[in-house]
Amino acid sequence: MTTNNSKLLMEKLVSLCKRRGFIFPGSEIYGGLGSSWDYGPLGTELKRNVKNAWWQTIVHQRDDTVGLDSAIIMNPEIWNTSGHATGFTDPLVECKECHERYRADQLESGTENCIKCNGPLTAPRQFNLMFKTFVGPVEDSAAQAWLRPETAQGIFVNFSNTLVSSRRKPPFGIAQIGKSFRNEITPGNFTYRTREFEQMELEFFVPPEDDETWHEYWVQERIDWYLNLGITPDNLRIRDHSSDELAHYAKATKDIEFFFPWGWGELEGIANRTDFDLKAHSNATGQSLDYFDDIKKARIIPYVIEPSGGVDRATLAFLIDAYTEETHGDTERVVLKLNHSLAPVKVAILPLSRNEKLIPTARAIYETVRKLGLWKVEYDDSQSIGRRYRRQDEIGTPLCVTVDFETVEHDQSVTIRDRDTMGQTRVSISNLVSTLQTMLTQ
């Protein structure tokens, strides 16, 4: 349930995101487009860091997973085989007077009138969530295709290619990050539910008899990922899907949910898809999507465990969890206490003032640190040092390096200010990079 405090939090966060360059309303100068959002300079960095953190954990730090980047537009027969062309639907009702549309399964039981104008509602009808498009110059049924509603099918149809080229056998995984499109009836809650979004999906192929063990393994792995990146444990929970809400391909599904300001919502689903997809594509094409088990001396279609999370939802959850308002004496500050690896800017170089004695040294330090290519570094000499500290707090910068008159006139040292504690450490310029490296990995 949305409370006044939670609504205020979202208003403050949305305002901060636009003001500081995290997320802008899409097509704003043309009046916008419903549930369309553009990531600004800082939002782009944050989102990239979320994806990099996932890729590092799922692919680079494991020896049983490889990556893939499949096409957004695929042969339309793929979606017939997967069941999406006929079964990927939501029940839709529409007000006969104001034409507001609702998902029937999200209305309270027995609701017969429009929430907006109290007009009568139509009977529910199934609405396909996939976007249609056309391949080639002629818009007819022969040229119709779909924008993919998930990245998973691109992995399944490349199972044999990846198996052979990477010399893998189950248990092993294929990971992918990419755009997906769903024509949602009721998008909303900022970037939580949109029609264009990005997914982080892993299809992990396992021997059929080991499916339940691997399912539990990946549930724990995925919740640990969020916890290791700083999400408050009380804001996470695991929810099992009941039998009547399981997808047509799933034997079991567990959701990792986050406590958003409007209530609990799905961050990521971990599904046991069994051998449904590989078997369906194999039957439809006549291509064998299996592997040879050396112990059983038999060809086997593996089961699939699928951790599937949204980049945009994860990014929003990290922002909400990190948003903090603090009072220190007579002053208040807003700070994004993002995990250091996610923070869009890692280090800010700040001369104490625009004094001509300070700027050359500050710029030289900035250029030295920036050219190392280790972190996103920012230089700022506008306004007072206090205002600049507050701005860096608001965008989540972990460390600020201040160049003052002592630096240039006496000790060749600078002050490092910590975002979370506001504690200050004096270090020599010659030791600055090593100190920053140590502090950013704590």
Protein backbone atom coordinates (compact mmCIF):
# COMPACT_ATOMS: atom_id res chain seq x y z
CA MET A 1 0.00 0.00 0.00
CA THR A 2 1.24 3.48 -0.86
CA THR A 3 1.50 5.84 2.11
CA ASN A 4 2.00 9.60 2.10
CA ASN A 5 5.63 9.08 3.18
CA SER A 6 6.34 6.56 0.42
CA LYS A 7 4.68 8.79 -2.17
CA LEU A 8 6.81 11.70 -0.97
CA LEU A 9 9.94 9.54 -1.19
CA MET A 10 9.20 8.69 -4.81
CA GLU A 11 8.52 12.36 -5.61
CA LYS A 12 11.86 13.33 -4.08
CA LEU A 13 13.70 10.55 -5.89
CA VAL A 14 12.14 11.33 -9.27
CA SER A 15 13.01 15.00 -8.77
CA LEU A 16 16.61 14.16 -7.84
CA CYS A 17 16.94 11.83 -10.83
CA LYS A 18 15.92 14.57 -13.25
CA ARG A 19 17.80 17.40 -11.51
CA ARG A 20 21.07 15.51 -11.25
CA GLY A 21 20.94 13.75 -14.60
CA PHE A 22 20.02 10.19 -13.69
CA ILE A 23 16.69 9.71 -15.48
CA PHE A 24 14.68 12.08 -17.70
CA PRO A 25 11.09 11.76 -18.97
CA GLY A 26 11.23 10.33 -22.49
CA SER A 27 10.44 12.67 -25.41
CA GLU A 28 9.82 15.44 -22.87
CA ILE A 29 10.01 18.44 -25.26
CA TYR A 30 7.23 16.80 -27.31
CA GLY A 31 5.00 16.30 -24.32
CA GLY A 32 6.43 12.92 -23.39
CA LEU A 33 5.32 9.36 -24.08
CA GLY A 34 3.62 7.30 -21.40
CA SER A 35 6.06 5.27 -19.29
CA SER A 36 9.05 6.21 -21.44
CA TRP A 37 12.27 7.21 -19.72
CA ASP A 38 15.73 8.26 -20.88
CA TYR A 39 18.86 7.73 -18.79
CA GLY A 40 20.94 10.87 -18.41
CA PRO A 41 24.73 11.13 -17.99
CA LEU A 42 24.79 9.81 -14.41
CA GLY A 43 21.97 7.31 -14.95
CA THR A 44 23.83 5.85 -17.91
CA GLU A 45 26.91 5.33 -15.73
CA LEU A 46 24.86 3.79 -12.91
CA LYS A 47 22.98 1.44 -15.23
CA ARG A 48 26.22 0.41 -16.94
CA ASN A 49 27.74 -0.34 -13.52
CA VAL A 50 24.75 -2.52 -12.59
CA LYS A 51 25.16 -4.50 -15.82
CA ASN A 52 28.92 -4.77 -15.36
CA ALA A 53 28.46 -6.04 -11.80
CA TRP A 54 26.06 -8.73 -13.07
CA TRP A 55 28.33 -9.71 -15.97
CA GLN A 56 31.39 -9.90 -13.75
CA THR A 57 29.59 -12.18 -11.27
CA ILE A 58 27.75 -14.36 -13.77
CA VAL A 59 30.31 -14.67 -16.58
CA HIS A 60 33.82 -13.42 -15.78
CA GLN A 61 34.09 -14.87 -12.28
CA ARG A 62 32.75 -18.30 -13.28
CA ASP A 63 34.22 -21.00 -15.50
CA ASP A 64 30.85 -22.58 -16.33
CA THR A 65 29.14 -19.62 -18.06
CA VAL A 66 29.60 -17.89 -21.41
CA GLY A 67 27.96 -14.85 -22.96
CA LEU A 68 25.68 -14.23 -25.94
CA ASP A 69 24.14 -11.25 -27.71
CA SER A 70 21.24 -12.42 -29.86
CA ALA A 71 19.07 -10.42 -32.28
CA ILE A 72 16.02 -8.46 -31.13
CA ILE A 73 14.01 -9.37 -34.24
CA MET A 74 14.00 -13.13 -34.89
CA ASN A 75 12.13 -15.55 -37.11
CA PRO A 76 8.47 -15.19 -36.04
CA GLU A 77 8.08 -18.97 -35.91
CA ILE A 78 10.23 -18.90 -32.77
CA TRP A 79 7.41 -17.14 -30.92
CA ASN A 80 4.83 -19.60 -32.19
CA THR A 81 6.95 -22.47 -30.92
CA SER A 82 7.64 -20.87 -27.54
CA GLY A 83 3.93 -20.19 -26.97
CA HIS A 84 4.28 -16.42 -26.87
CA ALA A 85 2.29 -15.75 -30.03
CA THR A 86 -0.85 -17.25 -28.51
CA GLY A 87 -0.24 -17.44 -24.77
CA PHE A 88 1.67 -14.27 -23.87
CA THR A 89 -1.43 -12.31 -22.91
CA ASP A 90 -3.02 -10.32 -20.10
CA PRO A 91 -6.77 -9.93 -19.47
CA LEU A 92 -7.86 -6.42 -20.50
CA VAL A 93 -11.00 -4.49 -19.54
CA GLU A 94 -11.90 -1.02 -20.83
CA CYS A 95 -14.20 1.69 -19.54
CA LYS A 96 -17.05 2.24 -22.00
CA GLU A 97 -17.18 5.97 -21.21
CA CYS A 98 -13.64 7.31 -20.66
CA HIS A 99 -11.87 4.35 -22.33
CA GLU A 100 -9.39 3.91 -19.47
CA ARG A 101 -7.88 0.41 -19.64
CA TYR A 102 -7.05 -1.94 -16.79
CA ARG A 103 -5.61 -5.37 -16.32
CA ALA A 104 -8.56 -7.41 -15.12
CA ASP A 105 -6.41 -9.54 -12.83
CA GLN A 106 -5.21 -6.42 -10.95
CA LEU A 107 -8.71 -5.15 -10.13
CA GLU A 108 -10.44 -6.19 -6.94
CA SER A 109 -12.79 -9.11 -7.39
CA GLY A 110 -16.28 -7.98 -8.39
CA THR A 111 -15.19 -4.58 -9.75
CA GLU A 112 -17.64 -3.62 -12.50
CA ASN A 113 -17.04 0.13 -12.80
CA CYS A 114 -14.15 2.33 -13.84
CA ILE A 115 -11.93 3.51 -11.00
CA LYS A 116 -11.44 6.85 -12.78
CA CYS A 117 -14.98 7.87 -13.82
CA ASN A 118 -17.22 5.09 -12.45
CA GLY A 119 -18.37 4.14 -15.96
CA PRO A 120 -19.18 0.53 -16.85
CA LEU A 121 -16.35 -1.83 -17.81
CA THR A 122 -16.28 -4.20 -20.77
CA ALA A 123 -15.96 -7.93 -20.32
CA PRO A 124 -12.31 -9.10 -20.07
CA ARG A 125 -10.56 -10.00 -23.30
CA GLN A 126 -7.06 -11.36 -23.81
CA PHE A 127 -4.50 -8.81 -25.01
CA ASN A 128 -1.19 -9.97 -26.55
CA LEU A 129 1.72 -8.14 -24.98
CA MET A 130 4.12 -8.45 -27.90
CA PHE A 131 4.85 -5.55 -30.25
CA LYS A 132 4.26 -6.28 -33.92
CA THR A 133 6.59 -5.04 -36.60
CA PHE A 134 7.23 -5.79 -40.28
CA VAL A 135 10.38 -6.99 -42.01
CA GLY A 136 10.91 -5.51 -45.45
CA PRO A 137 9.01 -2.89 -47.45
CA VAL A 138 5.58 -4.58 -47.53
CA GLU A 139 3.36 -4.55 -44.46
CA ASP A 140 1.42 -7.77 -44.81
CA SER A 141 1.01 -10.99 -42.85
CA ALA A 142 3.93 -12.64 -44.60
CA ALA A 143 6.28 -9.88 -43.41
CA GLN A 144 4.99 -9.69 -39.83
CA ALA A 145 7.53 -10.17 -37.05
CA TRP A 146 7.72 -9.39 -33.35
CA LEU A 147 9.99 -7.39 -31.08
CA ARG A 148 11.21 -9.93 -28.56
CA PRO A 149 9.42 -9.94 -25.18
CA GLU A 150 12.36 -11.74 -23.55
CA THR A 151 15.99 -12.50 -24.36
CA ALA A 152 15.74 -16.18 -23.39
CA GLN A 153 14.57 -17.56 -26.75
CA GLY A 154 17.67 -16.20 -28.46
CA ILE A 155 19.70 -18.32 -26.07
CA PHE A 156 17.65 -21.47 -26.64
CA VAL A 157 17.87 -21.35 -30.43
CA ASN A 158 21.66 -20.88 -30.11
CA PHE A 159 22.09 -23.75 -27.65
CA SER A 160 23.81 -26.12 -30.11
CA ASN A 161 25.98 -23.37 -31.63
CA THR A 162 27.22 -22.36 -28.18
CA LEU A 163 27.61 -25.94 -26.97
CA VAL A 164 29.89 -26.81 -29.87
CA SER A 165 31.84 -23.56 -30.20
CA SER A 166 32.56 -23.19 -26.47
CA ARG A 167 33.17 -26.95 -25.95
CA ARG A 168 30.79 -27.06 -22.98
CA LYS A 169 28.52 -29.65 -21.48
CA PRO A 170 25.90 -29.26 -18.77
CA PRO A 171 26.00 -28.01 -16.16
CA PHE A 172 26.87 -24.75 -17.89
CA GLY A 173 25.16 -21.41 -18.56
CA ILE A 174 24.61 -18.90 -21.34
CA ALA A 175 24.17 -15.30 -20.17
CA GLN A 176 22.74 -12.33 -22.01
CA ILE A 177 21.92 -8.68 -21.32
CA GLY A 178 19.61 -7.00 -23.79
CA LYS A 179 16.50 -5.02 -24.63
CA SER A 180 13.04 -6.56 -24.50
CA PHE A 181 9.63 -5.09 -25.33
CA ARG A 182 6.20 -5.71 -23.83
CA ASN A 183 3.08 -3.73 -24.67
CA GLU A 184 2.02 -3.43 -21.02
CA ILE A 185 -1.57 -2.45 -20.36
CA THR A 186 -0.78 -0.60 -17.12
CA PRO A 187 2.86 0.55 -17.03
CA GLY A 188 3.87 2.80 -14.17
CA ASN A 189 5.75 3.37 -10.90
CA PHE A 190 8.55 5.32 -12.58
CA THR A 191 10.94 2.88 -14.32
CA TYR A 192 9.54 -0.22 -12.60
CA ARG A 193 7.10 -1.26 -15.34
CA THR A 194 7.79 0.04 -18.83
CA ARG A 195 7.17 -1.13 -22.37
CA GLU A 196 10.86 -1.03 -23.30
CA PHE A 197 13.30 -2.44 -20.78
CA GLU A 198 16.56 -4.28 -20.40
CA GLN A 199 16.97 -7.80 -19.01
CA MET A 200 19.84 -9.70 -17.42
CA GLU A 201 19.08 -13.35 -18.12
CA LEU A 202 20.97 -16.56 -17.52
CA GLU A 203 19.88 -19.91 -18.93
CA PHE A 204 21.74 -22.53 -16.93
CA PHE A 205 21.54 -26.00 -18.48
CA VAL A 206 21.65 -28.93 -16.05
CA PRO A 207 21.14 -32.72 -16.06
CA PRO A 208 17.39 -33.31 -15.48
CA GLU A 209 17.94 -35.19 -12.22
CA ASP A 210 19.84 -32.22 -10.73
CA ASP A 211 17.29 -29.52 -11.54
CA GLU A 212 15.96 -28.90 -8.01
CA THR A 213 19.43 -28.69 -6.49
CA TRP A 214 20.55 -26.15 -9.09
CA HIS A 215 17.30 -24.21 -8.68
CA GLU A 216 17.96 -23.69 -4.98
CA TYR A 217 21.60 -22.88 -5.71
CA TRP A 218 20.74 -20.08 -8.10
CA VAL A 219 18.09 -18.59 -5.81
CA GLN A 220 20.74 -18.18 -3.11
CA GLU A 221 23.37 -16.94 -5.56
CA ARG A 222 21.09 -14.26 -6.88
CA ILE A 223 19.88 -12.96 -3.53
CA ASP A 224 23.52 -12.85 -2.36
CA TRP A 225 24.33 -10.64 -5.37
CA TYR A 226 21.88 -7.97 -4.26
CA LEU A 227 23.04 -8.20 -0.65
CA ASN A 228 26.72 -7.95 -1.63
CA LEU A 229 25.92 -4.77 -3.57
CA GLY A 230 24.44 -3.14 -0.49
CA ILE A 231 20.67 -3.78 -0.60
CA THR A 232 19.27 -3.76 2.95
CA PRO A 233 18.40 -7.37 3.90
CA ASP A 234 14.99 -6.36 5.31
CA ASN A 235 14.09 -4.96 1.89
CA LEU A 236 14.46 -8.34 0.18
CA ARG A 237 12.39 -11.51 0.36
CA ILE A 238 11.85 -14.70 -1.62
CA ARG A 239 8.34 -15.61 -2.77
CA ASP A 240 7.34 -18.95 -4.26
CA HIS A 241 4.91 -18.92 -7.18
CA SER A 242 1.72 -20.80 -6.49
CA SER A 243 0.69 -23.52 -8.93
CA ASP A 244 -1.97 -21.33 -10.57
CA GLU A 245 0.46 -18.50 -11.41
CA LEU A 246 3.30 -20.56 -12.86
CA ALA A 247 4.21 -19.85 -16.47
CA HIS A 248 3.30 -22.57 -18.95
CA TYR A 249 6.95 -23.67 -19.19
CA ALA A 250 7.81 -23.67 -15.47
CA LYS A 251 8.02 -26.51 -12.98
CA ALA A 252 8.73 -24.04 -10.16
CA THR A 253 9.56 -20.32 -9.84
CA LYS A 254 10.82 -18.22 -6.96
CA ASP A 255 10.80 -14.43 -7.09
CA ILE A 256 13.28 -12.18 -5.38
CA GLU A 257 11.15 -9.22 -4.28
CA PHE A 258 12.17 -5.75 -3.10
CA PHE A 259 10.14 -3.54 -0.79
CA PHE A 260 9.45 -0.57 -3.04
CA PRO A 261 7.67 2.53 -1.71
CA TRP A 262 4.39 1.14 -3.10
CA GLY A 263 4.96 -2.32 -1.61
CA TRP A 264 6.67 -5.59 -2.46
CA GLY A 265 7.52 -6.03 -6.14
CA GLU A 266 9.47 -8.50 -8.24
CA LEU A 267 13.14 -7.78 -8.88
CA GLU A 268 14.06 -11.10 -10.39
CA GLY A 269 12.49 -14.46 -11.07
CA ILE A 270 14.39 -17.75 -10.86
CA ALA A 271 12.46 -20.36 -12.84
CA ASN A 272 12.89 -24.06 -13.46
CA ARG A 273 11.91 -24.15 -17.14
CA THR A 274 12.54 -27.94 -17.40
CA ASP A 275 13.26 -29.05 -20.98
CA PHE A 276 10.19 -27.28 -22.37
CA ASP A 277 11.94 -24.76 -24.62
CA LEU A 278 14.69 -26.94 -26.04
CA LYS A 279 12.26 -29.78 -26.71
CA ALA A 280 9.74 -27.43 -28.37
CA HIS A 281 12.33 -25.86 -30.68
CA SER A 282 13.79 -29.27 -31.46
CA ASN A 283 10.38 -30.66 -32.42
CA ALA A 284 9.54 -27.60 -34.51
CA THR A 285 12.78 -27.54 -36.50
CA GLY A 286 13.96 -31.15 -36.51
CA GLN A 287 17.27 -29.94 -35.05
CA SER A 288 18.65 -31.89 -32.09
CA LEU A 289 19.04 -29.60 -29.06
CA ASP A 290 20.62 -32.10 -26.71
CA TYR A 291 24.04 -33.25 -25.49
CA PHE A 292 25.82 -36.57 -25.09
CA ASP A 293 26.19 -37.71 -21.50
CA ASP A 294 29.48 -39.63 -21.25
CA ILE A 295 28.45 -41.46 -18.08
CA LYS A 296 24.96 -42.51 -19.21
CA LYS A 297 26.12 -43.04 -22.79
CA ALA A 298 22.95 -41.33 -23.99
CA ARG A 299 21.82 -38.11 -25.63
CA ILE A 300 19.88 -35.94 -23.18
CA ILE A 301 17.88 -32.74 -23.43
CA PRO A 302 18.94 -30.73 -20.35
CA TYR A 303 16.67 -28.89 -17.96
CA VAL A 304 17.06 -25.13 -17.66
CA ILE A 305 17.29 -22.96 -14.56
CA GLU A 306 16.65 -19.33 -15.45
CA PRO A 307 17.56 -16.37 -13.22
CA SER A 308 15.94 -13.43 -15.04
CA GLY A 309 16.20 -9.90 -13.67
CA GLY A 310 15.46 -6.44 -14.96
CA VAL A 311 18.29 -3.94 -15.30
CA ASP A 312 15.89 -1.02 -14.87
CA ARG A 313 14.20 -2.55 -11.82
CA ALA A 314 17.53 -3.37 -10.21
CA THR A 315 18.81 0.16 -10.88
CA LEU A 316 15.66 1.64 -9.36
CA ALA A 317 15.94 -0.62 -6.31
CA PHE A 318 19.57 0.41 -5.76
CA LEU A 319 18.55 4.09 -5.99
CA ILE A 320 15.65 3.71 -3.55
CA ASP A 321 17.67 1.70 -1.06
CA ALA A 322 20.57 4.16 -1.22
CA TYR A 323 18.47 7.34 -0.86
CA THR A 324 19.13 8.79 2.60
CA GLU A 325 18.23 12.03 4.35
CA GLU A 326 20.45 12.98 7.28
CA THR A 327 20.64 15.81 9.81
CA HIS A 328 24.00 16.95 11.15
CA GLY A 329 23.64 19.71 13.70
CA ASP A 330 21.72 22.49 11.97
CA THR A 331 22.31 21.18 8.46
CA GLU A 332 20.55 18.54 6.43
CA ARG A 333 21.88 16.57 3.51
CA VAL A 334 20.61 14.07 0.95
CA VAL A 335 23.05 11.30 0.14
CA LEU A 336 22.92 8.29 -2.17
CA LYS A 337 24.78 5.63 -0.23
CA LEU A 338 25.41 3.49 -3.29
CA ASN A 339 27.86 0.62 -3.18
CA HIS A 340 31.21 1.95 -4.38
CA SER A 341 31.20 -0.32 -7.44
CA LEU A 342 27.82 1.07 -8.55
CA ALA A 343 28.39 4.77 -7.92
CA PRO A 344 28.35 6.65 -11.27
CA VAL A 345 31.23 8.92 -10.21
CA LYS A 346 33.87 7.34 -7.99
CA VAL A 347 36.11 10.34 -7.26
CA ALA A 348 35.58 14.12 -7.42
CA ILE A 349 38.54 16.49 -7.53
CA LEU A 350 37.64 19.82 -5.89
CA PRO A 351 39.84 22.89 -5.42
CA LEU A 352 38.88 24.65 -2.21
CA SER A 353 38.05 27.73 -4.27
CA ARG A 354 38.65 29.18 -7.73
CA ASN A 355 41.84 30.82 -6.54
CA GLU A 356 44.45 30.91 -9.28
CA LYS A 357 46.97 29.22 -6.98
CA LEU A 358 44.77 26.13 -6.52
CA ILE A 359 43.28 25.43 -9.94
CA PRO A 360 46.48 24.35 -11.80
CA THR A 361 47.33 21.77 -9.13
CA ALA A 362 43.73 20.54 -8.91
CA ARG A 363 43.49 20.20 -12.70
CA ALA A 364 46.81 18.34 -12.83
CA ILE A 365 45.62 15.86 -10.19
CA TYR A 366 42.32 15.42 -12.05
CA GLU A 367 44.09 14.71 -15.35
CA THR A 368 46.46 12.23 -13.69
CA VAL A 369 43.67 10.26 -12.01
CA ARG A 370 41.33 10.43 -15.00
CA LYS A 371 43.91 9.18 -17.49
CA LEU A 372 44.52 6.07 -15.41
CA GLY A 373 41.10 4.88 -16.63
CA LEU A 374 40.33 3.18 -13.32
CA TRP A 375 37.23 5.17 -12.39
CA LYS A 376 34.79 7.80 -13.56
CA VAL A 377 36.33 11.00 -12.16
CA GLU A 378 34.76 14.46 -12.03
CA TYR A 379 36.28 17.91 -11.61
CA ASP A 380 34.19 20.69 -10.07
CA ASP A 381 35.19 24.22 -9.04
CA SER A 382 31.82 25.98 -9.20
CA GLN A 383 30.10 27.45 -6.11
CA SER A 384 31.27 27.01 -2.52
CA ILE A 385 33.04 23.87 -1.35
CA GLY A 386 30.09 23.06 0.92
CA ARG A 387 27.64 23.12 -2.00
CA ARG A 388 29.95 20.96 -4.06
CA TYR A 389 30.20 18.40 -1.24
CA ARG A 390 26.39 18.30 -1.07
CA ARG A 391 26.11 17.80 -4.82
CA GLN A 392 28.57 14.90 -4.75
CA ASP A 393 26.64 13.41 -1.81
CA GLU A 394 23.41 13.61 -3.82
CA ILE A 395 24.87 11.75 -6.79
CA GLY A 396 26.55 9.13 -4.58
CA THR A 397 30.23 9.95 -5.14
CA PRO A 398 32.16 7.92 -2.51
CA LEU A 399 35.29 10.11 -2.30
CA CYS A 400 36.04 13.81 -2.75
CA VAL A 401 39.63 15.03 -3.03
CA THR A 402 40.10 18.64 -1.93
CA VAL A 403 43.07 20.76 -2.96
CA ASP A 404 43.68 23.65 -0.54
CA PHE A 405 46.33 26.28 0.16
CA GLU A 406 48.32 23.87 2.36
CA THR A 407 48.58 21.62 -0.70
CA VAL A 408 50.31 24.17 -2.92
CA GLU A 409 52.21 26.19 -0.30
CA HIS A 410 53.44 23.59 2.20
CA ASP A 411 52.85 19.83 2.26
CA GLN A 412 51.87 18.68 -1.28
CA SER A 413 49.03 16.75 0.35
CA VAL A 414 45.28 16.67 -0.25
CA THR A 415 42.22 15.88 1.84
CA ILE A 416 40.03 12.87 1.00
CA ARG A 417 36.47 13.18 2.28
CA ASP A 418 34.37 10.04 2.73
CA ARG A 419 30.76 10.30 1.53
CA ASP A 420 29.14 8.17 4.23
CA THR A 421 31.03 9.25 7.34
CA MET A 422 32.11 12.72 6.12
CA GLY A 423 35.43 11.86 7.75
CA GLN A 424 38.55 13.42 6.23
CA THR A 425 41.96 11.88 5.60
CA ARG A 426 45.10 13.82 4.68
CA VAL A 427 47.40 12.06 2.19
CA SER A 428 50.33 13.10 0.04
CA ILE A 429 49.70 13.54 -3.67
CA SER A 430 52.27 10.82 -4.39
CA ASN A 431 50.17 8.31 -2.39
CA LEU A 432 46.78 9.52 -3.60
CA VAL A 433 46.03 6.86 -6.24
CA SER A 434 46.97 3.91 -3.99
CA THR A 435 44.92 5.39 -1.14
CA LEU A 436 41.90 5.87 -3.39
CA GLN A 437 42.20 2.29 -4.60
CA THR A 438 42.23 1.02 -1.03
CA MET A 439 39.29 3.15 0.07
CA LEU A 440 37.15 2.29 -2.95
CA THR A 441 37.54 -1.45 -2.39
CA GLN A 442 36.57 -1.35 1.29
